Amino acid sequence: MSNTAPRKPAVRKSPVVRKPVSAKAAVAKPEKKQKKKADAKVKVVRDSFTMPQTDYDLIAALKQKALKAGLHVKKSELLRASLQAFSKLNAAQLKRAITSLEKIKTGRPKKD
């Protein structure tokens, strides 16, 4: 008498039957990928710069002016809005605006 247990019969798995993909379903996938790219957030870049105290005070004054108009703005929003306004100037107007600025040394100010 042997101590081996009787073997179970081998079970054959049936082949996987895939459903045919309709034309609608095949088109839907690329649309989702395009949608994700369109909804992607804009990359934000951090930067630093030097400006005279008078210009820095002007930012505070503009923030107060906006607040009186019922609009709470951040410093970065004011700077971005300024860039948008500058982009609409023609070359001569832009040159006048840039040349009217006080020239300053770049870099960090020295500690007193």
N, C-alpha and C. Protein backbone atom coordinates (compact mmCIF):
# COMPACT_ATOMS: atom_id res chain seq x y z
N MET A 1 0.84 -1.17 0.00
CA MET A 1 0.00 0.00 0.00
C MET A 1 0.88 1.24 0.00
N SER A 2 0.56 2.21 -0.84
CA SER A 2 1.40 3.41 -0.92
C SER A 2 0.75 4.55 -0.15
N ASN A 3 1.60 5.48 0.36
CA ASN A 3 1.13 6.63 1.13
C ASN A 3 0.83 7.85 0.28
N THR A 4 0.83 7.73 -0.98
CA THR A 4 0.58 8.89 -1.82
C THR A 4 -0.91 9.10 -1.99
N ALA A 5 -1.30 10.36 -1.92
CA ALA A 5 -2.71 10.71 -2.07
C ALA A 5 -3.09 10.65 -3.53
N PRO A 6 -4.33 10.35 -3.79
CA PRO A 6 -4.74 10.31 -5.19
C PRO A 6 -4.63 11.70 -5.83
N ARG A 7 -4.17 11.74 -7.04
CA ARG A 7 -4.01 13.02 -7.75
C ARG A 7 -5.34 13.53 -8.26
N LYS A 8 -5.42 14.89 -8.22
CA LYS A 8 -6.62 15.51 -8.78
C LYS A 8 -6.43 15.60 -10.29
N PRO A 9 -7.49 15.48 -11.03
CA PRO A 9 -7.34 15.59 -12.48
C PRO A 9 -6.93 17.02 -12.84
N ALA A 10 -6.08 17.19 -13.82
CA ALA A 10 -5.61 18.52 -14.27
C ALA A 10 -6.77 19.30 -14.86
N VAL A 11 -6.86 20.54 -14.44
CA VAL A 11 -7.93 21.40 -14.94
C VAL A 11 -7.34 22.32 -16.00
N ARG A 12 -7.90 22.28 -17.14
CA ARG A 12 -7.45 23.16 -18.22
C ARG A 12 -8.22 24.46 -18.16
N LYS A 13 -7.46 25.56 -18.17
CA LYS A 13 -8.13 26.86 -18.18
C LYS A 13 -8.54 27.19 -19.60
N SER A 14 -9.71 27.75 -19.69
CA SER A 14 -10.17 28.11 -21.03
C SER A 14 -9.43 29.37 -21.49
N PRO A 15 -9.17 29.51 -22.77
CA PRO A 15 -8.47 30.70 -23.24
C PRO A 15 -9.30 31.96 -22.98
N VAL A 16 -8.61 33.06 -22.71
CA VAL A 16 -9.28 34.32 -22.42
C VAL A 16 -9.88 34.86 -23.71
N VAL A 17 -11.14 35.12 -23.65
CA VAL A 17 -11.83 35.66 -24.83
C VAL A 17 -11.96 37.17 -24.63
N ARG A 18 -11.37 37.89 -25.54
CA ARG A 18 -11.43 39.36 -25.45
C ARG A 18 -12.53 39.87 -26.35
N LYS A 19 -13.24 40.86 -25.82
CA LYS A 19 -14.31 41.45 -26.60
C LYS A 19 -13.71 42.39 -27.64
N PRO A 20 -14.30 42.44 -28.81
CA PRO A 20 -13.79 43.37 -29.81
C PRO A 20 -14.01 44.81 -29.34
N VAL A 21 -13.05 45.65 -29.60
CA VAL A 21 -13.12 47.05 -29.18
C VAL A 21 -13.88 47.83 -30.23
N SER A 22 -14.90 48.56 -29.76
CA SER A 22 -15.68 49.36 -30.70
C SER A 22 -14.89 50.60 -31.09
N ALA A 23 -15.25 51.20 -32.17
CA ALA A 23 -14.56 52.40 -32.66
C ALA A 23 -14.70 53.54 -31.66
N LYS A 24 -15.85 53.61 -30.99
CA LYS A 24 -16.08 54.67 -30.01
C LYS A 24 -15.13 54.55 -28.84
N ALA A 25 -14.96 53.34 -28.33
CA ALA A 25 -14.08 53.11 -27.18
C ALA A 25 -12.63 53.38 -27.55
N ALA A 26 -12.24 53.05 -28.76
CA ALA A 26 -10.85 53.27 -29.20
C ALA A 26 -10.55 54.76 -29.30
N VAL A 27 -11.54 55.55 -29.66
CA VAL A 27 -11.35 56.99 -29.80
C VAL A 27 -11.38 57.67 -28.43
N ALA A 28 -12.10 57.12 -27.49
CA ALA A 28 -12.27 57.76 -26.18
C ALA A 28 -10.97 57.84 -25.40
N LYS A 29 -10.10 56.86 -25.51
CA LYS A 29 -8.87 56.86 -24.74
C LYS A 29 -7.95 58.03 -25.09
N PRO A 30 -7.66 58.30 -26.36
CA PRO A 30 -6.80 59.45 -26.66
C PRO A 30 -7.39 60.78 -26.19
N GLU A 31 -8.71 60.92 -26.20
CA GLU A 31 -9.34 62.15 -25.73
C GLU A 31 -9.03 62.38 -24.26
N LYS A 32 -9.03 61.32 -23.48
CA LYS A 32 -8.72 61.46 -22.06
C LYS A 32 -7.30 61.95 -21.87
N LYS A 33 -6.36 61.42 -22.63
CA LYS A 33 -4.98 61.85 -22.51
C LYS A 33 -4.84 63.32 -22.90
N GLN A 34 -5.51 63.75 -23.95
CA GLN A 34 -5.46 65.14 -24.36
C GLN A 34 -6.06 66.03 -23.29
N LYS A 35 -7.10 65.58 -22.67
CA LYS A 35 -7.76 66.36 -21.63
C LYS A 35 -6.83 66.58 -20.45
N LYS A 36 -6.09 65.54 -20.06
CA LYS A 36 -5.16 65.66 -18.95
C LYS A 36 -4.07 66.67 -19.25
N LYS A 37 -3.55 66.67 -20.48
CA LYS A 37 -2.51 67.62 -20.84
C LYS A 37 -3.05 69.04 -20.83
N ALA A 38 -4.29 69.24 -21.25
CA ALA A 38 -4.89 70.57 -21.27
C ALA A 38 -5.15 71.07 -19.86
N ASP A 39 -5.49 70.16 -18.95
CA ASP A 39 -5.79 70.54 -17.58
C ASP A 39 -4.54 70.64 -16.70
N ALA A 40 -3.38 70.33 -17.25
CA ALA A 40 -2.14 70.36 -16.47
C ALA A 40 -1.88 71.78 -15.97
N LYS A 41 -1.36 71.86 -14.75
CA LYS A 41 -1.09 73.16 -14.15
C LYS A 41 0.14 73.79 -14.79
N VAL A 42 0.14 75.11 -14.81
CA VAL A 42 1.27 75.84 -15.34
C VAL A 42 2.41 75.78 -14.34
N LYS A 43 3.61 75.54 -14.81
CA LYS A 43 4.76 75.46 -13.93
C LYS A 43 5.03 76.83 -13.32
N VAL A 44 5.27 76.87 -12.03
CA VAL A 44 5.54 78.12 -11.31
C VAL A 44 7.04 78.20 -11.05
N VAL A 45 7.62 79.35 -11.31
CA VAL A 45 9.05 79.56 -11.13
C VAL A 45 9.27 80.59 -10.04
N ARG A 46 10.14 80.28 -9.10
CA ARG A 46 10.49 81.23 -8.04
C ARG A 46 11.71 82.01 -8.49
N ASP A 47 11.73 83.30 -8.18
CA ASP A 47 12.84 84.15 -8.57
C ASP A 47 12.98 85.25 -7.53
N SER A 48 14.11 85.93 -7.55
CA SER A 48 14.30 87.07 -6.66
C SER A 48 14.94 88.19 -7.46
N PHE A 49 14.76 89.40 -7.00
CA PHE A 49 15.30 90.56 -7.69
C PHE A 49 15.49 91.69 -6.70
N THR A 50 16.21 92.71 -7.13
CA THR A 50 16.49 93.86 -6.30
C THR A 50 15.77 95.07 -6.88
N MET A 51 15.20 95.90 -6.02
CA MET A 51 14.54 97.12 -6.48
C MET A 51 14.72 98.20 -5.42
N PRO A 52 14.67 99.47 -5.86
CA PRO A 52 14.78 100.57 -4.89
C PRO A 52 13.59 100.57 -3.92
N GLN A 53 13.81 101.12 -2.75
CA GLN A 53 12.77 101.18 -1.74
C GLN A 53 11.54 101.93 -2.25
N THR A 54 11.75 102.95 -3.08
CA THR A 54 10.61 103.73 -3.60
C THR A 54 9.69 102.85 -4.46
N ASP A 55 10.29 101.95 -5.25
CA ASP A 55 9.46 101.05 -6.06
C ASP A 55 8.75 100.03 -5.18
N TYR A 56 9.43 99.58 -4.14
CA TYR A 56 8.82 98.64 -3.21
C TYR A 56 7.64 99.30 -2.50
N ASP A 57 7.80 100.59 -2.14
CA ASP A 57 6.71 101.34 -1.51
C ASP A 57 5.55 101.52 -2.49
N LEU A 58 5.88 101.64 -3.77
CA LEU A 58 4.84 101.79 -4.79
C LEU A 58 3.97 100.53 -4.86
N ILE A 59 4.58 99.39 -4.65
CA ILE A 59 3.81 98.13 -4.63
C ILE A 59 2.79 98.18 -3.49
N ALA A 60 3.23 98.63 -2.31
CA ALA A 60 2.33 98.73 -1.15
C ALA A 60 1.19 99.72 -1.44
N ALA A 61 1.52 100.83 -2.09
CA ALA A 61 0.49 101.83 -2.43
C ALA A 61 -0.52 101.25 -3.42
N LEU A 62 -0.03 100.51 -4.40
CA LEU A 62 -0.93 99.90 -5.38
C LEU A 62 -1.81 98.83 -4.73
N LYS A 63 -1.26 98.10 -3.77
CA LYS A 63 -2.06 97.11 -3.06
C LYS A 63 -3.18 97.79 -2.27
N GLN A 64 -2.88 98.94 -1.64
CA GLN A 64 -3.89 99.70 -0.90
C GLN A 64 -4.96 100.24 -1.85
N LYS A 65 -4.53 100.71 -3.00
CA LYS A 65 -5.46 101.24 -4.00
C LYS A 65 -6.42 100.14 -4.46
N ALA A 66 -5.88 98.94 -4.68
CA ALA A 66 -6.71 97.81 -5.09
C ALA A 66 -7.66 97.41 -3.97
N LEU A 67 -7.18 97.48 -2.73
CA LEU A 67 -8.01 97.13 -1.58
C LEU A 67 -9.19 98.08 -1.45
N LYS A 68 -8.96 99.38 -1.70
CA LYS A 68 -10.05 100.37 -1.67
C LYS A 68 -11.06 100.10 -2.77
N ALA A 69 -10.61 99.50 -3.87
CA ALA A 69 -11.50 99.14 -4.97
C ALA A 69 -12.19 97.80 -4.71
N GLY A 70 -11.90 97.20 -3.54
CA GLY A 70 -12.55 95.94 -3.18
C GLY A 70 -11.84 94.71 -3.71
N LEU A 71 -10.56 94.85 -4.03
CA LEU A 71 -9.80 93.74 -4.60
C LEU A 71 -8.56 93.48 -3.78
N HIS A 72 -8.47 92.29 -3.20
CA HIS A 72 -7.29 91.91 -2.42
C HIS A 72 -6.29 91.27 -3.37
N VAL A 73 -5.11 91.88 -3.52
CA VAL A 73 -4.10 91.36 -4.44
C VAL A 73 -2.80 91.09 -3.71
N LYS A 74 -2.05 90.15 -4.25
CA LYS A 74 -0.73 89.84 -3.72
C LYS A 74 0.30 90.61 -4.52
N LYS A 75 1.49 90.73 -3.96
CA LYS A 75 2.58 91.42 -4.65
C LYS A 75 2.85 90.76 -6.00
N SER A 76 2.88 89.45 -6.02
CA SER A 76 3.17 88.75 -7.28
C SER A 76 2.08 89.01 -8.32
N GLU A 77 0.84 89.14 -7.87
CA GLU A 77 -0.25 89.42 -8.82
C GLU A 77 -0.09 90.81 -9.42
N LEU A 78 0.33 91.77 -8.62
CA LEU A 78 0.57 93.12 -9.14
C LEU A 78 1.70 93.12 -10.17
N LEU A 79 2.77 92.40 -9.86
CA LEU A 79 3.89 92.33 -10.79
C LEU A 79 3.49 91.62 -12.09
N ARG A 80 2.71 90.56 -11.98
CA ARG A 80 2.25 89.85 -13.17
C ARG A 80 1.32 90.72 -14.01
N ALA A 81 0.43 91.48 -13.34
CA ALA A 81 -0.47 92.38 -14.07
C ALA A 81 0.33 93.47 -14.78
N SER A 82 1.39 93.93 -14.13
CA SER A 82 2.26 94.94 -14.76
C SER A 82 2.90 94.38 -16.02
N LEU A 83 3.35 93.14 -15.96
CA LEU A 83 3.95 92.51 -17.13
C LEU A 83 2.94 92.39 -18.27
N GLN A 84 1.71 92.05 -17.92
CA GLN A 84 0.67 91.96 -18.95
C GLN A 84 0.43 93.32 -19.60
N ALA A 85 0.42 94.38 -18.77
CA ALA A 85 0.22 95.73 -19.31
C ALA A 85 1.41 96.14 -20.18
N PHE A 86 2.63 95.84 -19.75
CA PHE A 86 3.83 96.16 -20.53
C PHE A 86 3.83 95.44 -21.86
N SER A 87 3.33 94.23 -21.89
CA SER A 87 3.35 93.46 -23.13
C SER A 87 2.47 94.08 -24.21
N LYS A 88 1.54 94.94 -23.82
CA LYS A 88 0.64 95.58 -24.79
C LYS A 88 1.20 96.89 -25.33
N LEU A 89 2.34 97.36 -24.80
CA LEU A 89 2.94 98.59 -25.27
C LEU A 89 3.68 98.35 -26.58
N ASN A 90 3.76 99.41 -27.41
CA ASN A 90 4.59 99.27 -28.60
C ASN A 90 6.04 99.51 -28.20
N ALA A 91 6.97 99.35 -29.13
CA ALA A 91 8.40 99.42 -28.83
C ALA A 91 8.80 100.78 -28.28
N ALA A 92 8.27 101.86 -28.83
CA ALA A 92 8.63 103.21 -28.39
C ALA A 92 8.14 103.46 -26.96
N GLN A 93 6.92 103.05 -26.66
CA GLN A 93 6.38 103.22 -25.31
C GLN A 93 7.17 102.40 -24.30
N LEU A 94 7.52 101.20 -24.67
CA LEU A 94 8.30 100.34 -23.78
C LEU A 94 9.67 100.94 -23.52
N LYS A 95 10.29 101.47 -24.55
CA LYS A 95 11.61 102.09 -24.40
C LYS A 95 11.55 103.27 -23.45
N ARG A 96 10.51 104.12 -23.59
CA ARG A 96 10.33 105.28 -22.68
C ARG A 96 10.18 104.82 -21.24
N ALA A 97 9.38 103.80 -21.03
CA ALA A 97 9.13 103.30 -19.67
C ALA A 97 10.40 102.74 -19.06
N ILE A 98 11.18 102.00 -19.82
CA ILE A 98 12.40 101.38 -19.31
C ILE A 98 13.48 102.42 -19.06
N THR A 99 13.64 103.37 -19.96
CA THR A 99 14.70 104.38 -19.80
C THR A 99 14.39 105.36 -18.68
N SER A 100 13.13 105.46 -18.30
CA SER A 100 12.77 106.38 -17.21
C SER A 100 13.08 105.79 -15.83
N LEU A 101 13.41 104.51 -15.78
CA LEU A 101 13.73 103.87 -14.50
C LEU A 101 15.11 104.26 -14.02
N GLU A 102 15.25 104.32 -12.70
CA GLU A 102 16.56 104.57 -12.08
C GLU A 102 17.40 103.31 -12.23
N LYS A 103 18.66 103.46 -12.65
CA LYS A 103 19.56 102.31 -12.79
C LYS A 103 20.07 101.93 -11.40
N ILE A 104 20.04 100.62 -11.10
CA ILE A 104 20.52 100.15 -9.80
C ILE A 104 21.49 99.00 -10.02
N LYS A 105 22.31 98.76 -9.01
CA LYS A 105 23.22 97.63 -9.07
C LYS A 105 22.42 96.36 -8.83
N THR A 106 22.78 95.31 -9.55
CA THR A 106 22.08 94.04 -9.33
C THR A 106 22.74 93.29 -8.19
N GLY A 107 22.06 92.34 -7.64
CA GLY A 107 22.59 91.53 -6.55
C GLY A 107 21.96 91.92 -5.22
N ARG A 108 22.39 91.26 -4.19
CA ARG A 108 21.85 91.52 -2.85
C ARG A 108 22.51 92.76 -2.27
N PRO A 109 21.72 93.59 -1.57
CA PRO A 109 22.32 94.76 -0.92
C PRO A 109 23.20 94.32 0.24
N LYS A 110 24.25 95.10 0.49
CA LYS A 110 25.17 94.78 1.61
C LYS A 110 24.50 95.09 2.92
N LYS A 111 24.82 94.29 3.94
CA LYS A 111 24.28 94.52 5.29
C LYS A 111 25.00 95.70 5.91
N ASP A 112 24.27 96.49 6.68
CA ASP A 112 24.88 97.66 7.35
C ASP A 112 25.65 97.27 8.57
